[in-house]
N, C-alpha and C. Protein backbone atom coordinates (compact mmCIF):
# COMPACT_ATOMS: atom_id res chain seq x y z
N MET A 1 11.43 57.09 98.08
CA MET A 1 12.14 56.27 99.05
C MET A 1 12.91 55.15 98.36
N MET A 2 12.22 54.41 97.45
CA MET A 2 12.87 53.32 96.72
C MET A 2 14.00 53.82 95.86
N LYS A 3 13.80 54.99 95.22
CA LYS A 3 14.86 55.56 94.38
C LYS A 3 16.09 55.88 95.21
N SER A 4 15.85 56.43 96.41
CA SER A 4 16.96 56.78 97.29
C SER A 4 17.73 55.54 97.71
N LEU A 5 17.01 54.47 98.06
CA LEU A 5 17.66 53.23 98.45
C LEU A 5 18.47 52.65 97.30
N PHE A 6 17.88 52.74 96.10
CA PHE A 6 18.55 52.20 94.91
C PHE A 6 19.83 52.98 94.64
N ARG A 7 19.75 54.31 94.75
CA ARG A 7 20.96 55.13 94.52
C ARG A 7 22.04 54.79 95.53
N ASN A 8 21.63 54.64 96.81
CA ASN A 8 22.60 54.31 97.86
C ASN A 8 23.25 52.96 97.61
N ALA A 9 22.44 52.00 97.14
CA ALA A 9 22.99 50.67 96.84
C ALA A 9 23.99 50.73 95.70
N LEU A 10 23.64 51.51 94.66
CA LEU A 10 24.56 51.66 93.54
C LEU A 10 25.86 52.32 93.97
N PHE A 11 25.75 53.34 94.83
CA PHE A 11 26.93 54.04 95.31
C PHE A 11 27.83 53.10 96.12
N ALA A 12 27.20 52.29 96.99
CA ALA A 12 27.96 51.35 97.79
C ALA A 12 28.66 50.32 96.91
N ALA A 13 27.96 49.86 95.88
CA ALA A 13 28.54 48.89 94.97
C ALA A 13 29.72 49.49 94.22
N ALA A 14 29.58 50.77 93.80
CA ALA A 14 30.65 51.43 93.08
C ALA A 14 31.89 51.57 93.96
N LEU A 15 31.68 51.92 95.24
CA LEU A 15 32.80 52.03 96.17
C LEU A 15 33.51 50.68 96.36
N THR A 16 32.72 49.62 96.46
CA THR A 16 33.29 48.28 96.62
C THR A 16 34.14 47.90 95.42
N LEU A 17 33.60 48.15 94.23
CA LEU A 17 34.32 47.84 93.01
C LEU A 17 35.61 48.65 92.90
N ALA A 18 35.52 49.94 93.27
CA ALA A 18 36.71 50.80 93.20
C ALA A 18 37.78 50.31 94.16
N GLY A 19 37.34 49.91 95.38
CA GLY A 19 38.29 49.39 96.37
C GLY A 19 38.96 48.11 95.91
N THR A 20 38.16 47.24 95.30
CA THR A 20 38.70 45.98 94.79
C THR A 20 39.70 46.22 93.68
N ALA A 21 39.37 47.16 92.78
CA ALA A 21 40.27 47.48 91.68
C ALA A 21 41.60 48.04 92.19
N LEU A 22 41.51 48.92 93.21
CA LEU A 22 42.73 49.49 93.79
C LEU A 22 43.58 48.41 94.44
N ALA A 23 42.94 47.50 95.18
CA ALA A 23 43.68 46.41 95.83
C ALA A 23 44.34 45.54 94.78
N ASP A 24 43.63 45.26 93.68
CA ASP A 24 44.21 44.44 92.61
C ASP A 24 45.41 45.12 91.98
N THR A 25 45.34 46.46 91.81
CA THR A 25 46.46 47.20 91.24
C THR A 25 47.69 47.12 92.14
N VAL A 26 47.47 47.28 93.44
CA VAL A 26 48.59 47.20 94.40
C VAL A 26 49.22 45.81 94.36
N THR A 27 48.37 44.79 94.41
CA THR A 27 48.86 43.41 94.40
C THR A 27 49.68 43.12 93.15
N SER A 28 49.14 43.55 92.00
CA SER A 28 49.83 43.31 90.73
C SER A 28 51.16 44.06 90.66
N ASP A 29 51.12 45.33 91.06
CA ASP A 29 52.34 46.15 91.02
C ASP A 29 53.42 45.57 91.93
N VAL A 30 53.03 45.20 93.15
CA VAL A 30 54.00 44.68 94.11
C VAL A 30 54.58 43.35 93.63
N ALA A 31 53.73 42.48 93.09
CA ALA A 31 54.22 41.18 92.59
C ALA A 31 55.22 41.40 91.47
N GLN A 32 54.95 42.34 90.59
CA GLN A 32 55.88 42.64 89.48
C GLN A 32 57.22 43.13 90.01
N LEU A 33 57.18 44.00 91.02
CA LEU A 33 58.42 44.50 91.61
C LEU A 33 59.19 43.39 92.33
N GLN A 34 58.45 42.54 93.04
CA GLN A 34 59.11 41.43 93.75
C GLN A 34 59.85 40.50 92.80
N HIS A 35 59.19 40.13 91.72
CA HIS A 35 59.83 39.22 90.77
C HIS A 35 60.97 39.92 90.02
N GLY A 36 60.78 41.22 89.73
CA GLY A 36 61.85 41.96 89.09
C GLY A 36 63.08 42.05 89.98
N TRP A 37 62.84 42.30 91.27
CA TRP A 37 63.96 42.37 92.22
C TRP A 37 64.69 41.04 92.30
N ALA A 38 63.95 39.94 92.43
CA ALA A 38 64.58 38.62 92.53
C ALA A 38 65.40 38.30 91.28
N GLN A 39 64.88 38.68 90.13
CA GLN A 39 65.58 38.42 88.86
C GLN A 39 66.91 39.18 88.82
N VAL A 40 66.84 40.48 89.16
CA VAL A 40 68.06 41.30 89.09
C VAL A 40 69.05 40.90 90.18
N TYR A 41 68.57 40.75 91.40
CA TYR A 41 69.46 40.51 92.53
C TYR A 41 70.13 39.14 92.48
N TYR A 42 69.37 38.13 92.09
CA TYR A 42 69.90 36.77 92.17
C TYR A 42 70.35 36.19 90.84
N SER A 43 69.85 36.69 89.72
CA SER A 43 70.12 36.01 88.45
C SER A 43 71.04 36.77 87.49
N LEU A 44 71.01 38.08 87.52
CA LEU A 44 71.82 38.83 86.54
C LEU A 44 73.29 38.84 86.92
N PRO A 45 74.18 38.89 85.93
CA PRO A 45 75.61 39.06 86.22
C PRO A 45 75.84 40.38 86.97
N LYS A 46 76.85 40.39 87.81
CA LYS A 46 77.12 41.54 88.68
C LYS A 46 77.28 42.83 87.88
N ASP A 47 77.92 42.77 86.71
CA ASP A 47 78.18 43.98 85.95
C ASP A 47 76.92 44.53 85.26
N GLN A 48 75.81 43.83 85.35
CA GLN A 48 74.56 44.32 84.78
C GLN A 48 73.57 44.82 85.85
N LYS A 49 73.90 44.61 87.11
CA LYS A 49 72.93 44.89 88.17
C LYS A 49 72.69 46.39 88.35
N ASP A 50 73.71 47.21 88.25
CA ASP A 50 73.57 48.65 88.46
C ASP A 50 72.51 49.23 87.51
N VAL A 51 72.66 48.99 86.23
CA VAL A 51 71.72 49.51 85.23
C VAL A 51 70.34 48.90 85.42
N ALA A 52 70.29 47.60 85.67
CA ALA A 52 69.00 46.92 85.81
C ALA A 52 68.23 47.42 87.02
N PHE A 53 68.93 47.65 88.12
CA PHE A 53 68.25 48.20 89.30
C PHE A 53 67.77 49.62 89.05
N GLY A 54 68.53 50.39 88.29
CA GLY A 54 68.08 51.74 87.93
C GLY A 54 66.76 51.71 87.20
N LYS A 55 66.61 50.78 86.27
CA LYS A 55 65.36 50.64 85.51
C LYS A 55 64.22 50.18 86.42
N LEU A 56 64.54 49.26 87.32
CA LEU A 56 63.52 48.75 88.24
C LEU A 56 63.07 49.83 89.21
N GLU A 57 63.97 50.72 89.59
CA GLU A 57 63.61 51.85 90.44
C GLU A 57 62.54 52.71 89.78
N GLU A 58 62.69 52.95 88.49
CA GLU A 58 61.70 53.77 87.78
C GLU A 58 60.33 53.10 87.80
N GLU A 59 60.30 51.79 87.64
CA GLU A 59 59.03 51.05 87.73
C GLU A 59 58.44 51.18 89.13
N ALA A 60 59.30 51.11 90.14
CA ALA A 60 58.84 51.21 91.53
C ALA A 60 58.24 52.59 91.81
N LYS A 61 58.88 53.62 91.28
CA LYS A 61 58.36 54.98 91.48
C LYS A 61 57.00 55.15 90.83
N LEU A 62 56.82 54.54 89.66
CA LEU A 62 55.52 54.59 89.00
C LEU A 62 54.47 53.84 89.83
N ALA A 63 54.85 52.74 90.44
CA ALA A 63 53.94 51.98 91.28
C ALA A 63 53.51 52.80 92.50
N VAL A 64 54.45 53.53 93.08
CA VAL A 64 54.14 54.41 94.21
C VAL A 64 53.13 55.48 93.77
N ALA A 65 53.38 56.08 92.60
CA ALA A 65 52.48 57.12 92.10
C ALA A 65 51.09 56.60 91.78
N ARG A 66 51.01 55.35 91.32
CA ARG A 66 49.72 54.74 90.97
C ARG A 66 48.90 54.35 92.19
N ASN A 67 49.57 54.21 93.32
CA ASN A 67 48.89 53.70 94.52
C ASN A 67 49.12 54.63 95.71
N PRO A 68 48.62 55.87 95.62
CA PRO A 68 48.83 56.82 96.70
C PRO A 68 48.19 56.31 98.01
N GLY A 69 48.88 56.56 99.11
CA GLY A 69 48.33 56.17 100.39
C GLY A 69 48.53 54.71 100.73
N ARG A 70 49.27 53.98 99.91
CA ARG A 70 49.52 52.57 100.20
C ARG A 70 50.98 52.38 100.58
N ALA A 71 51.19 51.53 101.58
CA ALA A 71 52.54 51.33 102.09
C ALA A 71 53.36 50.35 101.26
N GLU A 72 52.68 49.38 100.63
CA GLU A 72 53.40 48.30 99.96
C GLU A 72 54.37 48.78 98.87
N PRO A 73 53.93 49.66 97.95
CA PRO A 73 54.87 50.13 96.93
C PRO A 73 56.03 50.94 97.51
N LEU A 74 55.76 51.68 98.59
CA LEU A 74 56.84 52.44 99.25
C LEU A 74 57.92 51.48 99.76
N VAL A 75 57.46 50.39 100.39
CA VAL A 75 58.41 49.41 100.93
C VAL A 75 59.25 48.81 99.81
N TRP A 76 58.58 48.44 98.72
CA TRP A 76 59.33 47.80 97.64
C TRP A 76 60.23 48.76 96.87
N CYS A 77 59.84 50.00 96.79
CA CYS A 77 60.72 51.00 96.20
C CYS A 77 61.98 51.13 97.07
N ALA A 78 61.79 51.12 98.38
CA ALA A 78 62.92 51.20 99.30
C ALA A 78 63.83 49.97 99.20
N ILE A 79 63.24 48.79 99.11
CA ILE A 79 64.04 47.57 98.98
C ILE A 79 64.88 47.60 97.71
N ILE A 80 64.27 48.05 96.63
CA ILE A 80 64.99 48.11 95.35
C ILE A 80 66.12 49.13 95.42
N GLU A 81 65.86 50.29 96.02
CA GLU A 81 66.91 51.31 96.14
C GLU A 81 68.05 50.85 97.03
N SER A 82 67.72 50.21 98.15
CA SER A 82 68.79 49.76 99.04
C SER A 82 69.61 48.64 98.42
N SER A 83 68.95 47.78 97.63
CA SER A 83 69.68 46.74 96.92
C SER A 83 70.56 47.33 95.82
N HIS A 84 70.03 48.33 95.15
CA HIS A 84 70.80 49.02 94.10
C HIS A 84 72.08 49.61 94.67
N ALA A 85 72.01 50.12 95.90
CA ALA A 85 73.15 50.77 96.51
C ALA A 85 74.36 49.83 96.60
N LYS A 86 74.12 48.54 96.72
CA LYS A 86 75.23 47.57 96.82
C LYS A 86 76.06 47.54 95.54
N PHE A 87 75.45 47.93 94.44
CA PHE A 87 76.13 47.81 93.15
C PHE A 87 76.40 49.17 92.50
N ALA A 88 75.88 50.25 93.10
CA ALA A 88 76.06 51.57 92.52
C ALA A 88 77.39 52.19 92.93
N GLY A 89 77.69 52.11 94.19
CA GLY A 89 78.97 52.64 94.69
C GLY A 89 78.98 54.14 94.84
N GLY A 90 79.96 54.63 95.61
CA GLY A 90 80.21 56.07 95.74
C GLY A 90 79.07 56.83 96.39
N LEU A 91 79.00 58.12 96.07
CA LEU A 91 77.99 58.99 96.65
C LEU A 91 76.58 58.58 96.25
N HIS A 92 76.45 58.03 95.05
CA HIS A 92 75.13 57.58 94.61
C HIS A 92 74.58 56.52 95.55
N ALA A 93 75.42 55.61 96.00
CA ALA A 93 74.99 54.57 96.93
C ALA A 93 74.52 55.17 98.24
N LEU A 94 75.23 56.18 98.75
CA LEU A 94 74.83 56.83 99.99
C LEU A 94 73.49 57.54 99.83
N ASP A 95 73.28 58.18 98.68
CA ASP A 95 72.00 58.83 98.41
C ASP A 95 70.87 57.81 98.35
N LEU A 96 71.14 56.67 97.76
CA LEU A 96 70.12 55.63 97.62
C LEU A 96 69.68 55.09 98.98
N ILE A 97 70.63 54.80 99.87
CA ILE A 97 70.22 54.24 101.16
C ILE A 97 69.52 55.30 102.03
N LYS A 98 69.93 56.55 101.87
CA LYS A 98 69.26 57.61 102.62
C LYS A 98 67.81 57.75 102.16
N HIS A 99 67.58 57.71 100.85
CA HIS A 99 66.22 57.82 100.34
C HIS A 99 65.40 56.57 100.67
N ALA A 100 66.04 55.41 100.64
CA ALA A 100 65.35 54.17 101.01
C ALA A 100 64.85 54.25 102.44
N ARG A 101 65.67 54.77 103.34
CA ARG A 101 65.23 54.91 104.73
C ARG A 101 64.03 55.84 104.83
N LYS A 102 64.04 56.94 104.10
CA LYS A 102 62.91 57.87 104.11
C LYS A 102 61.63 57.17 103.65
N LEU A 103 61.72 56.40 102.57
CA LEU A 103 60.55 55.69 102.06
C LEU A 103 60.00 54.72 103.10
N LEU A 104 60.88 54.02 103.80
CA LEU A 104 60.45 53.06 104.81
C LEU A 104 59.78 53.77 105.99
N LEU A 105 60.31 54.90 106.40
CA LEU A 105 59.70 55.65 107.49
C LEU A 105 58.36 56.23 107.06
N ASP A 106 58.24 56.61 105.79
CA ASP A 106 56.95 57.06 105.26
C ASP A 106 55.94 55.92 105.27
N ALA A 107 56.39 54.74 104.87
CA ALA A 107 55.51 53.55 104.86
C ALA A 107 55.07 53.20 106.27
N GLU A 108 55.96 53.36 107.24
CA GLU A 108 55.63 53.05 108.62
C GLU A 108 54.47 53.90 109.12
N LYS A 109 54.40 55.14 108.67
CA LYS A 109 53.30 56.02 109.07
C LYS A 109 51.96 55.54 108.52
N VAL A 110 52.00 54.84 107.38
CA VAL A 110 50.78 54.36 106.74
C VAL A 110 50.32 53.05 107.35
N ASP A 111 51.23 52.08 107.47
CA ASP A 111 50.87 50.74 107.95
C ASP A 111 52.14 50.05 108.48
N PRO A 112 52.41 50.16 109.78
CA PRO A 112 53.65 49.62 110.33
C PRO A 112 53.84 48.13 110.14
N GLN A 113 52.75 47.37 110.07
CA GLN A 113 52.88 45.91 110.00
C GLN A 113 52.72 45.36 108.60
N VAL A 114 52.73 46.23 107.61
CA VAL A 114 52.50 45.79 106.23
C VAL A 114 53.55 44.76 105.79
N LEU A 115 53.13 43.84 104.94
CA LEU A 115 54.04 42.84 104.34
C LEU A 115 54.83 42.08 105.40
N GLY A 116 54.13 41.72 106.48
CA GLY A 116 54.74 40.88 107.50
C GLY A 116 55.96 41.49 108.17
N GLY A 117 55.90 42.79 108.45
CA GLY A 117 57.01 43.43 109.14
C GLY A 117 58.20 43.80 108.26
N SER A 118 57.97 43.85 106.94
CA SER A 118 59.07 44.12 106.00
C SER A 118 59.70 45.48 106.21
N ILE A 119 58.92 46.44 106.74
CA ILE A 119 59.50 47.77 107.01
C ILE A 119 60.67 47.63 107.98
N TYR A 120 60.45 46.88 109.06
CA TYR A 120 61.48 46.77 110.10
C TYR A 120 62.61 45.84 109.68
N THR A 121 62.28 44.81 108.90
CA THR A 121 63.34 43.97 108.34
C THR A 121 64.27 44.80 107.46
N SER A 122 63.67 45.64 106.62
CA SER A 122 64.48 46.45 105.69
C SER A 122 65.26 47.54 106.41
N LEU A 123 64.62 48.17 107.41
CA LEU A 123 65.34 49.18 108.19
C LEU A 123 66.50 48.53 108.95
N GLY A 124 66.26 47.34 109.51
CA GLY A 124 67.33 46.66 110.21
C GLY A 124 68.51 46.34 109.30
N SER A 125 68.19 45.87 108.11
CA SER A 125 69.25 45.57 107.14
C SER A 125 70.01 46.83 106.74
N LEU A 126 69.27 47.92 106.53
CA LEU A 126 69.91 49.18 106.16
C LEU A 126 70.88 49.65 107.25
N TYR A 127 70.41 49.67 108.50
CA TYR A 127 71.25 50.15 109.59
C TYR A 127 72.44 49.21 109.84
N ALA A 128 72.26 47.94 109.54
CA ALA A 128 73.35 46.98 109.74
C ALA A 128 74.46 47.17 108.72
N LYS A 129 74.09 47.51 107.49
CA LYS A 129 75.05 47.50 106.39
C LYS A 129 75.52 48.89 105.96
N ALA A 130 74.79 49.94 106.32
CA ALA A 130 75.21 51.28 105.94
C ALA A 130 76.48 51.68 106.68
N PRO A 131 77.34 52.49 106.06
CA PRO A 131 78.50 53.01 106.78
C PRO A 131 78.03 53.84 107.98
N GLY A 132 78.85 53.87 109.01
CA GLY A 132 78.51 54.67 110.18
C GLY A 132 78.86 56.14 109.98
N TRP A 133 78.58 56.92 111.03
CA TRP A 133 78.91 58.35 111.01
C TRP A 133 80.43 58.51 110.84
N PRO A 134 80.90 59.50 110.06
CA PRO A 134 80.14 60.62 109.46
C PRO A 134 79.64 60.36 108.04
N LEU A 135 79.92 59.21 107.48
CA LEU A 135 79.50 58.97 106.09
C LEU A 135 78.00 58.75 105.98
N SER A 136 77.44 57.99 106.93
CA SER A 136 76.04 57.65 106.81
C SER A 136 75.47 57.33 108.20
N PHE A 137 74.35 56.60 108.23
CA PHE A 137 73.62 56.40 109.48
C PHE A 137 73.78 55.00 110.05
N GLY A 138 74.70 54.21 109.53
CA GLY A 138 74.86 52.83 109.99
C GLY A 138 75.00 52.73 111.51
N ASP A 139 74.32 51.75 112.10
CA ASP A 139 74.31 51.62 113.56
C ASP A 139 73.86 50.20 113.90
N LYS A 140 74.78 49.36 114.34
CA LYS A 140 74.47 47.95 114.62
C LYS A 140 73.42 47.80 115.72
N LYS A 141 73.49 48.65 116.73
CA LYS A 141 72.53 48.57 117.84
C LYS A 141 71.12 48.87 117.35
N LYS A 142 70.99 49.91 116.55
CA LYS A 142 69.67 50.25 116.02
C LYS A 142 69.19 49.19 115.05
N ALA A 143 70.12 48.61 114.30
CA ALA A 143 69.77 47.51 113.39
C ALA A 143 69.14 46.36 114.18
N ALA A 144 69.74 46.02 115.31
CA ALA A 144 69.21 44.92 116.13
C ALA A 144 67.82 45.25 116.64
N GLU A 145 67.59 46.50 117.03
CA GLU A 145 66.27 46.91 117.53
C GLU A 145 65.21 46.74 116.44
N TYR A 146 65.54 47.18 115.24
CA TYR A 146 64.57 47.06 114.15
C TYR A 146 64.31 45.60 113.80
N LEU A 147 65.35 44.79 113.77
CA LEU A 147 65.18 43.39 113.41
C LEU A 147 64.38 42.63 114.47
N LYS A 148 64.54 43.01 115.73
CA LYS A 148 63.71 42.40 116.78
C LYS A 148 62.24 42.79 116.59
N GLN A 149 61.99 44.02 116.15
CA GLN A 149 60.61 44.41 115.83
C GLN A 149 60.04 43.56 114.70
N ALA A 150 60.87 43.34 113.70
CA ALA A 150 60.43 42.51 112.56
C ALA A 150 60.12 41.09 113.01
N LEU A 151 60.96 40.54 113.88
CA LEU A 151 60.74 39.18 114.37
C LEU A 151 59.53 39.09 115.27
N ALA A 152 59.19 40.16 115.96
CA ALA A 152 57.98 40.16 116.79
C ALA A 152 56.73 40.04 115.91
N ILE A 153 56.79 40.64 114.72
CA ILE A 153 55.66 40.58 113.78
C ILE A 153 55.67 39.27 113.01
N ASN A 154 56.85 38.83 112.60
CA ASN A 154 56.98 37.66 111.72
C ASN A 154 58.10 36.74 112.24
N PRO A 155 57.83 36.04 113.36
CA PRO A 155 58.89 35.29 114.02
C PRO A 155 59.48 34.13 113.20
N ASP A 156 58.72 33.62 112.25
CA ASP A 156 59.20 32.48 111.46
C ASP A 156 59.65 32.87 110.06
N GLY A 157 59.67 34.16 109.76
CA GLY A 157 59.98 34.63 108.41
C GLY A 157 61.43 34.39 108.01
N ILE A 158 61.62 34.09 106.75
CA ILE A 158 62.98 33.80 106.26
C ILE A 158 63.88 35.04 106.32
N ASP A 159 63.34 36.21 105.96
CA ASP A 159 64.18 37.40 105.89
C ASP A 159 64.59 37.93 107.26
N PRO A 160 63.64 38.15 108.21
CA PRO A 160 64.09 38.68 109.50
C PRO A 160 65.05 37.75 110.23
N ASN A 161 64.82 36.44 110.12
CA ASN A 161 65.74 35.50 110.77
C ASN A 161 67.10 35.51 110.10
N PHE A 162 67.12 35.61 108.78
CA PHE A 162 68.41 35.67 108.06
C PHE A 162 69.19 36.93 108.46
N PHE A 163 68.54 38.09 108.37
CA PHE A 163 69.28 39.31 108.64
C PHE A 163 69.70 39.43 110.11
N TYR A 164 68.86 38.93 111.02
CA TYR A 164 69.26 38.98 112.43
C TYR A 164 70.40 37.99 112.69
N GLY A 165 70.31 36.82 112.09
CA GLY A 165 71.41 35.86 112.24
C GLY A 165 72.71 36.40 111.67
N GLU A 166 72.60 37.06 110.54
CA GLU A 166 73.79 37.66 109.90
C GLU A 166 74.38 38.75 110.79
N LEU A 167 73.50 39.58 111.37
CA LEU A 167 73.97 40.65 112.25
C LEU A 167 74.65 40.09 113.49
N LEU A 168 74.06 39.09 114.10
CA LEU A 168 74.67 38.48 115.29
C LEU A 168 76.05 37.92 114.97
N THR A 169 76.15 37.26 113.83
CA THR A 169 77.44 36.70 113.40
C THR A 169 78.46 37.80 113.18
N ASP A 170 78.04 38.88 112.52
CA ASP A 170 78.95 39.98 112.20
C ASP A 170 79.41 40.72 113.45
N THR A 171 78.62 40.65 114.53
CA THR A 171 78.98 41.36 115.75
C THR A 171 79.56 40.42 116.81
N GLY A 172 80.01 39.25 116.37
CA GLY A 172 80.78 38.38 117.25
C GLY A 172 80.00 37.33 118.01
N ASN A 173 78.72 37.15 117.69
CA ASN A 173 77.92 36.14 118.38
C ASN A 173 77.53 35.05 117.40
N ALA A 174 78.53 34.29 116.98
CA ALA A 174 78.31 33.30 115.92
C ALA A 174 77.36 32.18 116.34
N GLU A 175 77.40 31.79 117.61
CA GLU A 175 76.54 30.69 118.05
C GLU A 175 75.07 31.06 117.94
N ALA A 176 74.71 32.25 118.44
CA ALA A 176 73.33 32.71 118.32
C ALA A 176 72.97 32.97 116.86
N GLY A 177 73.94 33.52 116.13
CA GLY A 177 73.70 33.79 114.71
C GLY A 177 73.37 32.52 113.95
N ARG A 178 74.06 31.44 114.25
CA ARG A 178 73.79 30.17 113.59
C ARG A 178 72.35 29.72 113.83
N ARG A 179 71.85 29.88 115.05
CA ARG A 179 70.48 29.46 115.37
C ARG A 179 69.46 30.19 114.50
N PHE A 180 69.65 31.49 114.35
CA PHE A 180 68.71 32.25 113.52
C PHE A 180 68.87 31.93 112.05
N LEU A 181 70.08 31.69 111.62
CA LEU A 181 70.30 31.31 110.21
C LEU A 181 69.65 29.96 109.90
N GLU A 182 69.78 29.02 110.84
CA GLU A 182 69.15 27.71 110.64
C GLU A 182 67.62 27.83 110.64
N LYS A 183 67.10 28.71 111.48
CA LYS A 183 65.65 28.93 111.48
C LYS A 183 65.21 29.55 110.14
N ALA A 184 66.01 30.47 109.64
CA ALA A 184 65.71 31.07 108.34
C ALA A 184 65.70 30.02 107.24
N LEU A 185 66.68 29.12 107.28
CA LEU A 185 66.78 28.09 106.26
C LEU A 185 65.56 27.18 106.25
N ASN A 186 64.96 27.00 107.42
CA ASN A 186 63.79 26.12 107.53
C ASN A 186 62.47 26.89 107.57
N ALA A 187 62.51 28.16 107.19
CA ALA A 187 61.29 28.98 107.20
C ALA A 187 60.28 28.44 106.20
N PRO A 188 58.98 28.61 106.48
CA PRO A 188 57.96 28.16 105.53
C PRO A 188 58.07 28.92 104.22
N PRO A 189 57.80 28.27 103.10
CA PRO A 189 57.87 28.96 101.80
C PRO A 189 56.82 30.05 101.69
N ARG A 190 57.14 31.08 100.94
CA ARG A 190 56.20 32.18 100.71
C ARG A 190 55.53 31.99 99.35
N GLU A 191 54.22 31.96 99.37
CA GLU A 191 53.47 31.76 98.13
C GLU A 191 53.76 32.90 97.15
N GLY A 192 54.14 32.54 95.94
CA GLY A 192 54.43 33.55 94.92
C GLY A 192 55.83 34.13 95.01
N ARG A 193 56.61 33.72 96.00
CA ARG A 193 57.96 34.26 96.19
C ARG A 193 59.01 33.17 96.04
N GLU A 194 58.69 32.15 95.24
CA GLU A 194 59.60 31.01 95.12
C GLU A 194 60.98 31.42 94.63
N ASP A 195 61.04 32.39 93.71
CA ASP A 195 62.33 32.84 93.18
C ASP A 195 63.16 33.51 94.25
N ALA A 196 62.54 34.36 95.05
CA ALA A 196 63.27 35.04 96.12
C ALA A 196 63.68 34.04 97.21
N ASP A 197 62.78 33.10 97.54
CA ASP A 197 63.11 32.11 98.57
C ASP A 197 64.33 31.27 98.16
N ALA A 198 64.37 30.87 96.90
CA ALA A 198 65.50 30.06 96.43
C ALA A 198 66.81 30.83 96.54
N GLY A 199 66.79 32.09 96.14
CA GLY A 199 68.00 32.91 96.23
C GLY A 199 68.42 33.15 97.66
N ARG A 200 67.43 33.43 98.52
CA ARG A 200 67.76 33.69 99.93
C ARG A 200 68.31 32.45 100.60
N ARG A 201 67.75 31.29 100.29
CA ARG A 201 68.26 30.05 100.91
C ARG A 201 69.71 29.80 100.50
N ALA A 202 70.03 30.15 99.27
CA ALA A 202 71.43 29.99 98.84
C ALA A 202 72.33 30.91 99.66
N GLU A 203 71.88 32.13 99.95
CA GLU A 203 72.65 33.06 100.80
C GLU A 203 72.81 32.49 102.20
N ILE A 204 71.73 31.93 102.73
CA ILE A 204 71.77 31.37 104.09
C ILE A 204 72.75 30.19 104.16
N GLN A 205 72.69 29.33 103.17
CA GLN A 205 73.60 28.18 103.14
C GLN A 205 75.06 28.64 103.07
N ALA A 206 75.33 29.69 102.32
CA ALA A 206 76.68 30.23 102.23
C ALA A 206 77.12 30.80 103.57
N ALA A 207 76.20 31.51 104.25
CA ALA A 207 76.52 32.08 105.55
C ALA A 207 76.79 30.99 106.57
N LEU A 208 76.01 29.92 106.54
CA LEU A 208 76.24 28.80 107.46
C LEU A 208 77.55 28.10 107.17
N ALA A 209 77.87 27.96 105.89
CA ALA A 209 79.13 27.31 105.51
C ALA A 209 80.33 28.09 106.04
N ASP A 210 80.21 29.43 106.08
CA ASP A 210 81.29 30.26 106.59
C ASP A 210 81.52 30.06 108.08
N LEU A 211 80.48 29.56 108.78
CA LEU A 211 80.61 29.33 110.22
C LEU A 211 81.22 27.98 110.55
N ASP A 212 81.29 27.09 109.58
CA ASP A 212 81.82 25.73 109.81
C ASP A 212 83.35 25.73 109.82
């Protein structure tokens, strides 16, 4: 009886340690991708971004492979691919945004609310900026639907407020767009995301300046 209890306790402890190790791997991998993205997107010269994002994509794919069944690396692989598309151009850019959408929809099946609604923020941004039919799937109405989902999960977040404000402005509702942009500018800082927050705030300030 005692031996059986001891074995069960050891097994439970091993499962706990394995789960903790897996969580630590995901956290570490995602943090590395986040900082890599911020560095490439906000700091590198424009003519270096295409190659740098290509390298970061390979790191993201490895993170996905290392963490099967986890939504976080899928989301960040999608974010990196969709960002890369801005600097890749041509058919490669269309392939990148199509694959990014697939990754986000795959992540949604695993954990729809992961990373504070980042799936819906990213889908909203993709639909807002992608070319429309017949080139691609761009759709402003669907973009708004996804961004509203993101705001329902993370109403004070810097990213959903920025992208929704940008979308409203782009579709002719500058007054409402300004309100969301100002809310994004005053969003609470994200721990460990200081580099991304600084870059995003600069984007928000530029968008607000364009409205003046």
